[in-house]
Amino acid sequence: MRGVLMKKAYGIVVYESILDEAKLEAYVELAPKAFDKYGAKFLTRGYPSVLKENARNERTVVVEFPSVEQAEAFYESDEYQLALEALGDGAVRSYKICEAF
């Protein structure tokens, strides 16, 4: 749509627990292959520097996308589904897509 400004979106992944480092490594090898295709930009990944309130020390990843549609297309892409298949039961995590305010 011409003249309509699309809001950016953020993929937020929180790893509650990592159960199999080898499966996580396989995922990390495959997942980036889809990022460029969908305009993704890593903002942070790793463990928190500071914990406040009820926060837990969980691996957290935040990825910026041009739009919610691009974030969803990334998640549903064949490339990313292959990475998720490699991860399998190697981690307990949540994945959220949030639109920019």
Protein backbone atom coordinates (compact mmCIF):
# COMPACT_ATOMS: atom_id res chain seq x y z
CA MET A 1 0.00 0.00 0.00
CA ARG A 2 1.38 3.31 -1.03
CA GLY A 3 1.75 5.85 1.76
CA VAL A 4 1.10 3.34 4.55
CA LEU A 5 3.97 2.98 6.96
CA MET A 6 4.42 -0.60 8.08
CA LYS A 7 5.39 -1.00 11.71
CA LYS A 8 8.42 -3.09 12.50
CA ALA A 9 8.02 -6.31 14.40
CA TYR A 10 10.17 -8.18 16.87
CA GLY A 11 10.64 -11.91 17.22
CA ILE A 12 11.38 -12.64 20.88
CA VAL A 13 12.62 -16.08 21.86
CA VAL A 14 13.14 -17.08 25.49
CA TYR A 15 14.83 -20.37 26.26
CA GLU A 16 13.42 -21.73 29.51
CA SER A 17 15.90 -24.59 29.36
CA ILE A 18 18.40 -26.03 26.94
CA LEU A 19 18.22 -29.81 27.03
CA ASP A 20 20.61 -30.79 24.23
CA GLU A 21 23.51 -28.53 23.23
CA ALA A 22 24.16 -30.53 20.02
CA LYS A 23 20.58 -29.97 18.82
CA LEU A 24 20.84 -26.28 19.67
CA GLU A 25 24.08 -26.05 17.67
CA ALA A 26 22.38 -27.75 14.70
CA TYR A 27 19.55 -25.18 14.93
CA VAL A 28 22.03 -22.29 15.14
CA GLU A 29 23.76 -23.56 11.99
CA LEU A 30 20.50 -23.69 10.00
CA ALA A 31 18.37 -20.79 11.28
CA PRO A 32 20.47 -17.88 9.94
CA LYS A 33 19.94 -19.08 6.37
CA ALA A 34 16.40 -17.69 6.51
CA PHE A 35 17.10 -14.40 8.29
CA ASP A 36 18.46 -12.31 5.40
CA LYS A 37 15.66 -13.41 3.09
CA TYR A 38 13.06 -11.89 5.45
CA GLY A 39 14.91 -8.69 6.38
CA ALA A 40 15.75 -9.86 9.90
CA LYS A 41 18.26 -8.03 12.08
CA PHE A 42 19.53 -9.44 15.39
CA LEU A 43 19.23 -6.91 18.21
CA THR A 44 20.40 -9.16 21.04
CA ARG A 45 21.05 -12.80 21.81
CA GLY A 46 22.48 -14.42 24.87
CA TYR A 47 21.90 -14.16 28.58
CA PRO A 48 20.69 -11.01 30.36
CA SER A 49 23.30 -8.60 31.72
CA VAL A 50 21.04 -7.57 34.59
CA LEU A 51 18.04 -9.27 36.18
CA LYS A 52 15.23 -7.20 37.77
CA GLU A 53 11.94 -8.02 39.45
CA ASN A 54 10.93 -11.62 38.62
CA ALA A 55 13.35 -12.08 35.72
CA ARG A 56 15.17 -15.37 35.28
CA ASN A 57 18.58 -15.92 33.76
CA GLU A 58 17.33 -17.35 30.45
CA ARG A 59 18.91 -17.17 27.02
CA THR A 60 16.95 -14.50 25.15
CA VAL A 61 16.98 -13.55 21.47
CA VAL A 62 15.39 -10.44 19.95
CA VAL A 63 15.22 -10.13 16.16
CA GLU A 64 13.82 -7.11 14.31
CA PHE A 65 11.73 -7.64 11.15
CA PRO A 66 10.33 -5.05 8.73
CA SER A 67 6.76 -6.08 9.62
CA VAL A 68 4.63 -8.67 11.43
CA GLU A 69 3.94 -10.23 8.02
CA GLN A 70 7.67 -10.66 7.35
CA ALA A 71 8.21 -12.10 10.84
CA GLU A 72 5.43 -14.63 10.30
CA ALA A 73 6.66 -15.48 6.80
CA PHE A 74 10.12 -16.09 8.29
CA TYR A 75 8.75 -18.36 11.00
CA GLU A 76 6.68 -20.37 8.50
CA SER A 77 9.44 -20.56 5.87
CA ASP A 78 10.82 -23.92 4.79
CA GLU A 79 14.31 -22.80 5.87
CA TYR A 80 13.26 -21.97 9.42
CA GLN A 81 11.05 -25.04 9.76
CA LEU A 82 14.12 -27.13 8.88
CA ALA A 83 16.02 -25.39 11.70
CA LEU A 84 13.16 -26.03 14.14
CA GLU A 85 13.13 -29.67 13.12
CA ALA A 86 16.86 -29.88 13.91
CA LEU A 87 16.23 -28.30 17.34
CA GLY A 88 13.39 -30.71 18.03
CA ASP A 89 13.20 -31.44 21.76
CA GLY A 90 16.61 -29.87 22.42
CA ALA A 91 15.14 -26.84 24.19
CA VAL A 92 12.03 -25.60 25.95
CA ARG A 93 11.36 -22.09 24.70
CA SER A 94 8.74 -19.55 23.80
CA TYR A 95 8.60 -17.57 20.57
CA LYS A 96 6.62 -14.36 20.37
CA ILE A 97 6.10 -11.85 17.55
CA CYS A 98 5.34 -8.34 18.77
CA GLU A 99 4.51 -5.32 16.64
CA ALA A 100 6.40 -2.10 17.33
CA PHE A 101 4.56 0.52 19.32
